[in-house]
Each structure stands twice: as C-alpha cells, then as structure tokens.
Amino acid sequence: MWTLIYLLIAFIACSISALTDAKTGEIPNRLTYPLIIIGFVLSLFPWMFSNIIYGIIFLIISSWFYKKKLFGGGDIKLILGLILLNPTADIIFICWWLLYACIIAIVFYAYKFYIKKERGKKAETLRFGVPLFISMFIIILQQFLPLILG
C-alpha cells in the first residue's frame, strides 16, 4: 500500500515537471523542494534510510553534470526528491529508472537535434523532465502490470 502511495506521489511530480519543463524549460522549486522534504522525512524510517545515502551519492555525481551544464538545477532537485521517495529503498530501482530516462533522452534528443540540423536551426538545451516522466511511467507499468493482469 505504501509503495503505491510513494509511486503515485512520484508519478504526479514527474507529470507536473514534464509539463512545466516542456513549456518553460524549467522545473519549479515549488515542486522540487516539497518533494525533497517529503522524501527526506520518509527516508528517516530505518527501512528507508538507505535512500539518504543514495541521495548523497547522487548529489556528488550530479555536481559534475551540473558544472558541465548537462543537467539543470531543477532536474537534479527532481531526481534527488524522487530518489529520497524511492519506495523500495533499492538502488536497482533507481538505476533502472535513470537508465530508462537516459536512453529515452538520448533517442529523443538525437532525433530532435538531427531535425534541427537538417533545417539549419540551432539546437536547444536538453530538457530532462519529459524523459524522467516517461521512464517513471515505464517503471510503474513494470511494477503493477503483473499485479493487474494476474
């Protein structure tokens, strides 16, 4: 039951971030900060404490991506909040989710850059909110489709 609630919160956050990121190119702080706070408080339970460690590791790694301008601050805060909200407290869940997001982003933006190059337009910066949403949707389907079907 709690896993479903955590995933529902994560799905709603990813949905809102995908919409705002696609429209404005930014993920709002009023979405990411509450997500981080809720995730941190829930991670204080002993069976979820590993999420805090995963979040710290992610912050260390993502600082390099931020300095190289590969990720924006909103993307990093959203991912951090979702890592802290990880219902399984399992690093494999996080790795699959981020791997799906990266694959989707690579395919989507490679196609988008190719189209822009063909039209002679300048490519825009990467927006990671939509791939995060799509990958969260895939993860939720993987988790709950077997339960629904059978």
C-alpha atoms as a PDB file:
ATOM      1  CA  MET A   1       0.000   0.000   0.000  1.00  0.00           C
ATOM      2  CA  TRP A   2       2.775   2.457   0.929  1.00  0.00           C
ATOM      3  CA  THR A   3       4.666   1.588  -2.241  1.00  0.00           C
ATOM      4  CA  LEU A   4       1.630   2.566  -4.291  1.00  0.00           C
ATOM      5  CA  ILE A   5       1.315   5.893  -2.440  1.00  0.00           C
ATOM      6  CA  TYR A   6       5.027   6.675  -2.946  1.00  0.00           C
ATOM      7  CA  LEU A   7       4.811   5.819  -6.643  1.00  0.00           C
ATOM      8  CA  LEU A   8       1.653   7.893  -7.043  1.00  0.00           C
ATOM      9  CA  ILE A   9       3.376  10.937  -5.498  1.00  0.00           C
ATOM     10  CA  ALA A  10       6.407  10.359  -7.741  1.00  0.00           C
ATOM     11  CA  PHE A  11       4.217   9.960 -10.830  1.00  0.00           C
ATOM     12  CA  ILE A  12       2.312  13.178 -10.109  1.00  0.00           C
ATOM     13  CA  ALA A  13       5.585  15.055  -9.513  1.00  0.00           C
ATOM     14  CA  CYS A  14       7.047  13.701 -12.759  1.00  0.00           C
ATOM     15  CA  SER A  15       3.864  14.615 -14.648  1.00  0.00           C
ATOM     16  CA  ILE A  16       3.915  18.215 -13.430  1.00  0.00           C
ATOM     17  CA  SER A  17       7.660  18.548 -14.016  1.00  0.00           C
ATOM     18  CA  ALA A  18       7.361  17.163 -17.552  1.00  0.00           C
ATOM     19  CA  LEU A  19       4.629  19.657 -18.421  1.00  0.00           C
ATOM     20  CA  THR A  20       6.434  22.676 -16.992  1.00  0.00           C
ATOM     21  CA  ASP A  21       9.819  21.581 -18.350  1.00  0.00           C
ATOM     22  CA  ALA A  22       8.376  21.122 -21.840  1.00  0.00           C
ATOM     23  CA  LYS A  23       6.635  24.530 -21.759  1.00  0.00           C
ATOM     24  CA  THR A  24       9.130  26.733 -19.922  1.00  0.00           C
ATOM     25  CA  GLY A  25      12.387  24.778 -19.820  1.00  0.00           C
ATOM     26  CA  GLU A  26      12.387  24.882 -16.020  1.00  0.00           C
ATOM     27  CA  ILE A  27      11.202  22.621 -13.222  1.00  0.00           C
ATOM     28  CA  PRO A  28       9.736  24.830 -10.476  1.00  0.00           C
ATOM     29  CA  ASN A  29      11.190  24.909  -6.971  1.00  0.00           C
ATOM     30  CA  ARG A  30       7.684  24.827  -5.501  1.00  0.00           C
ATOM     31  CA  LEU A  31       7.512  21.254  -6.838  1.00  0.00           C
ATOM     32  CA  THR A  32      11.018  20.018  -6.097  1.00  0.00           C
ATOM     33  CA  TYR A  33      11.576  21.342  -2.576  1.00  0.00           C
ATOM     34  CA  PRO A  34       8.406  19.799  -1.078  1.00  0.00           C
ATOM     35  CA  LEU A  35       9.276  16.535  -2.849  1.00  0.00           C
ATOM     36  CA  ILE A  36      12.756  16.572  -1.307  1.00  0.00           C
ATOM     37  CA  ILE A  37      11.363  17.368   2.153  1.00  0.00           C
ATOM     38  CA  ILE A  38       8.690  14.643   1.979  1.00  0.00           C
ATOM     39  CA  GLY A  39      11.233  12.137   0.678  1.00  0.00           C
ATOM     40  CA  PHE A  40      13.760  13.054   3.367  1.00  0.00           C
ATOM     41  CA  VAL A  41      11.214  12.726   6.188  1.00  0.00           C
ATOM     42  CA  LEU A  42      10.013   9.356   4.867  1.00  0.00           C
ATOM     43  CA  SER A  43      13.633   8.218   4.453  1.00  0.00           C
ATOM     44  CA  LEU A  44      14.207   8.653   8.184  1.00  0.00           C
ATOM     45  CA  PHE A  45      12.396   5.348   8.771  1.00  0.00           C
ATOM     46  CA  PRO A  46      15.010   2.632   9.350  1.00  0.00           C
ATOM     47  CA  TRP A  47      13.972   0.538   6.322  1.00  0.00           C
ATOM     48  CA  MET A  48      14.185   3.593   4.043  1.00  0.00           C
ATOM     49  CA  PHE A  49      17.374   5.196   5.413  1.00  0.00           C
ATOM     50  CA  SER A  50      19.478   3.933   2.506  1.00  0.00           C
ATOM     51  CA  ASN A  51      17.658   6.452   0.292  1.00  0.00           C
ATOM     52  CA  ILE A  52      19.521   9.252   2.092  1.00  0.00           C
ATOM     53  CA  ILE A  53      22.835   7.574   1.265  1.00  0.00           C
ATOM     54  CA  TYR A  54      21.762   7.143  -2.377  1.00  0.00           C
ATOM     55  CA  GLY A  55      20.734  10.805  -2.448  1.00  0.00           C
ATOM     56  CA  ILE A  56      24.142  11.934  -1.169  1.00  0.00           C
ATOM     57  CA  ILE A  57      25.913   9.771  -3.753  1.00  0.00           C
ATOM     58  CA  PHE A  58      23.666  11.211  -6.468  1.00  0.00           C
ATOM     59  CA  LEU A  59      24.430  14.792  -5.367  1.00  0.00           C
ATOM     60  CA  ILE A  60      28.164  14.117  -5.531  1.00  0.00           C
ATOM     61  CA  ILE A  61      27.912  12.633  -9.027  1.00  0.00           C
ATOM     62  CA  SER A  62      25.384  15.152 -10.339  1.00  0.00           C
ATOM     63  CA  SER A  63      27.506  18.127  -9.296  1.00  0.00           C
ATOM     64  CA  TRP A  64      29.844  17.241 -12.165  1.00  0.00           C
ATOM     65  CA  PHE A  65      26.898  17.097 -14.603  1.00  0.00           C
ATOM     66  CA  TYR A  66      25.668  20.463 -13.324  1.00  0.00           C
ATOM     67  CA  LYS A  67      29.099  22.088 -13.721  1.00  0.00           C
ATOM     68  CA  LYS A  68      29.296  20.786 -17.306  1.00  0.00           C
ATOM     69  CA  LYS A  69      25.766  22.135 -17.926  1.00  0.00           C
ATOM     70  CA  LEU A  70      24.457  18.668 -18.814  1.00  0.00           C
ATOM     71  CA  PHE A  71      21.698  18.862 -16.179  1.00  0.00           C
ATOM     72  CA  GLY A  72      19.864  21.866 -14.847  1.00  0.00           C
ATOM     73  CA  GLY A  73      19.308  22.516 -11.166  1.00  0.00           C
ATOM     74  CA  GLY A  74      15.618  21.630 -11.432  1.00  0.00           C
ATOM     75  CA  ASP A  75      16.435  18.249 -12.967  1.00  0.00           C
ATOM     76  CA  ILE A  76      18.856  17.469 -10.163  1.00  0.00           C
ATOM     77  CA  LYS A  77      16.418  18.532  -7.438  1.00  0.00           C
ATOM     78  CA  LEU A  78      13.616  16.492  -9.012  1.00  0.00           C
ATOM     79  CA  ILE A  79      15.786  13.375  -9.263  1.00  0.00           C
ATOM     80  CA  LEU A  80      17.001  13.872  -5.685  1.00  0.00           C
ATOM     81  CA  GLY A  81      13.418  14.147  -4.423  1.00  0.00           C
ATOM     82  CA  LEU A  82      12.433  11.009  -6.314  1.00  0.00           C
ATOM     83  CA  ILE A  83      15.465   9.104  -5.026  1.00  0.00           C
ATOM     84  CA  LEU A  84      14.530  10.046  -1.461  1.00  0.00           C
ATOM     85  CA  LEU A  85      10.966   8.973  -2.179  1.00  0.00           C
ATOM     86  CA  ASN A  86      12.105   5.605  -3.586  1.00  0.00           C
ATOM     87  CA  PRO A  87       9.518   3.176  -2.177  1.00  0.00           C
ATOM     88  CA  THR A  88      11.689   0.083  -2.405  1.00  0.00           C
ATOM     89  CA  ALA A  89      14.835   1.614  -0.854  1.00  0.00           C
ATOM     90  CA  ASP A  90      16.618  -0.376  -3.547  1.00  0.00           C
ATOM     91  CA  ILE A  91      19.430   1.000  -5.681  1.00  0.00           C
ATOM     92  CA  ILE A  92      18.392  -1.264  -8.572  1.00  0.00           C
ATOM     93  CA  PHE A  93      15.026   0.525  -8.804  1.00  0.00           C
ATOM     94  CA  ILE A  94      16.821   3.886  -9.062  1.00  0.00           C
ATOM     95  CA  CYS A  95      19.379   2.631 -11.581  1.00  0.00           C
ATOM     96  CA  TRP A  96      16.727   1.182 -13.910  1.00  0.00           C
ATOM     97  CA  TRP A  97      14.649   4.351 -13.688  1.00  0.00           C
ATOM     98  CA  LEU A  98      17.607   6.619 -14.523  1.00  0.00           C
ATOM     99  CA  LEU A  99      18.840   4.240 -17.228  1.00  0.00           C
ATOM    100  CA  TYR A 100      15.430   4.307 -18.927  1.00  0.00           C
ATOM    101  CA  ALA A 101      15.369   8.099 -18.655  1.00  0.00           C
ATOM    102  CA  CYS A 102      18.831   8.423 -20.205  1.00  0.00           C
ATOM    103  CA  ILE A 103      18.015   6.062 -23.082  1.00  0.00           C
ATOM    104  CA  ILE A 104      14.777   7.917 -23.801  1.00  0.00           C
ATOM    105  CA  ALA A 105      16.586  11.273 -23.641  1.00  0.00           C
ATOM    106  CA  ILE A 106      19.358  10.105 -25.972  1.00  0.00           C
ATOM    107  CA  VAL A 107      16.922   8.786 -28.578  1.00  0.00           C
ATOM    108  CA  PHE A 108      14.551  11.745 -28.308  1.00  0.00           C
ATOM    109  CA  TYR A 109      17.204  14.458 -28.411  1.00  0.00           C
ATOM    110  CA  ALA A 110      19.321  12.757 -31.069  1.00  0.00           C
ATOM    111  CA  TYR A 111      16.260  12.790 -33.309  1.00  0.00           C
ATOM    112  CA  LYS A 112      15.401  16.370 -32.329  1.00  0.00           C
ATOM    113  CA  PHE A 113      18.975  17.607 -32.952  1.00  0.00           C
ATOM    114  CA  TYR A 114      19.048  15.820 -36.294  1.00  0.00           C
ATOM    115  CA  ILE A 115      15.804  17.520 -37.386  1.00  0.00           C
ATOM    116  CA  LYS A 116      17.066  20.946 -36.224  1.00  0.00           C
ATOM    117  CA  LYS A 117      20.385  20.409 -38.019  1.00  0.00           C
ATOM    118  CA  GLU A 118      18.563  19.480 -41.236  1.00  0.00           C
ATOM    119  CA  ARG A 119      16.514  22.682 -41.010  1.00  0.00           C
ATOM    120  CA  GLY A 120      19.581  24.774 -40.218  1.00  0.00           C
ATOM    121  CA  LYS A 121      18.340  25.791 -36.774  1.00  0.00           C
ATOM    122  CA  LYS A 122      20.326  25.988 -33.563  1.00  0.00           C
ATOM    123  CA  ALA A 123      19.716  23.113 -31.159  1.00  0.00           C
ATOM    124  CA  GLU A 124      18.192  23.986 -27.782  1.00  0.00           C
ATOM    125  CA  THR A 125      19.291  22.817 -24.366  1.00  0.00           C
ATOM    126  CA  LEU A 126      18.255  19.402 -23.124  1.00  0.00           C
ATOM    127  CA  ARG A 127      15.109  19.183 -21.049  1.00  0.00           C
ATOM    128  CA  PHE A 128      15.198  16.084 -18.902  1.00  0.00           C
ATOM    129  CA  GLY A 129      11.737  16.347 -17.302  1.00  0.00           C
ATOM    130  CA  VAL A 130       9.886  14.546 -20.093  1.00  0.00           C
ATOM    131  CA  PRO A 131      12.273  11.545 -20.234  1.00  0.00           C
ATOM    132  CA  LEU A 132      12.057  11.281 -16.423  1.00  0.00           C
ATOM    133  CA  PHE A 133       8.264  11.175 -16.659  1.00  0.00           C
ATOM    134  CA  ILE A 134       8.246   8.541 -19.408  1.00  0.00           C
ATOM    135  CA  SER A 135      10.725   6.363 -17.520  1.00  0.00           C
ATOM    136  CA  MET A 136       8.669   6.674 -14.313  1.00  0.00           C
ATOM    137  CA  PHE A 137       5.615   5.557 -16.284  1.00  0.00           C
ATOM    138  CA  ILE A 138       7.550   2.528 -17.585  1.00  0.00           C
ATOM    139  CA  ILE A 139       8.707   1.646 -14.052  1.00  0.00           C
ATOM    140  CA  ILE A 140       5.164   1.870 -12.700  1.00  0.00           C
ATOM    141  CA  LEU A 141       3.910  -0.367 -15.504  1.00  0.00           C
ATOM    142  CA  GLN A 142       6.654  -2.890 -14.740  1.00  0.00           C
ATOM    143  CA  GLN A 143       5.765  -2.877 -11.052  1.00  0.00           C
ATOM    144  CA  PHE A 144       1.992  -3.090 -11.288  1.00  0.00           C
ATOM    145  CA  LEU A 145       1.050  -4.614 -14.637  1.00  0.00           C
ATOM    146  CA  PRO A 146       1.709  -8.173 -13.388  1.00  0.00           C
ATOM    147  CA  LEU A 147      -0.497  -7.459 -10.362  1.00  0.00           C
ATOM    148  CA  ILE A 148      -3.296  -6.065 -12.515  1.00  0.00           C
ATOM    149  CA  LEU A 149      -3.177  -8.810 -15.131  1.00  0.00           C
ATOM    150  CA  GLY A 150      -2.772 -11.501 -12.789  1.00  0.00           C
END
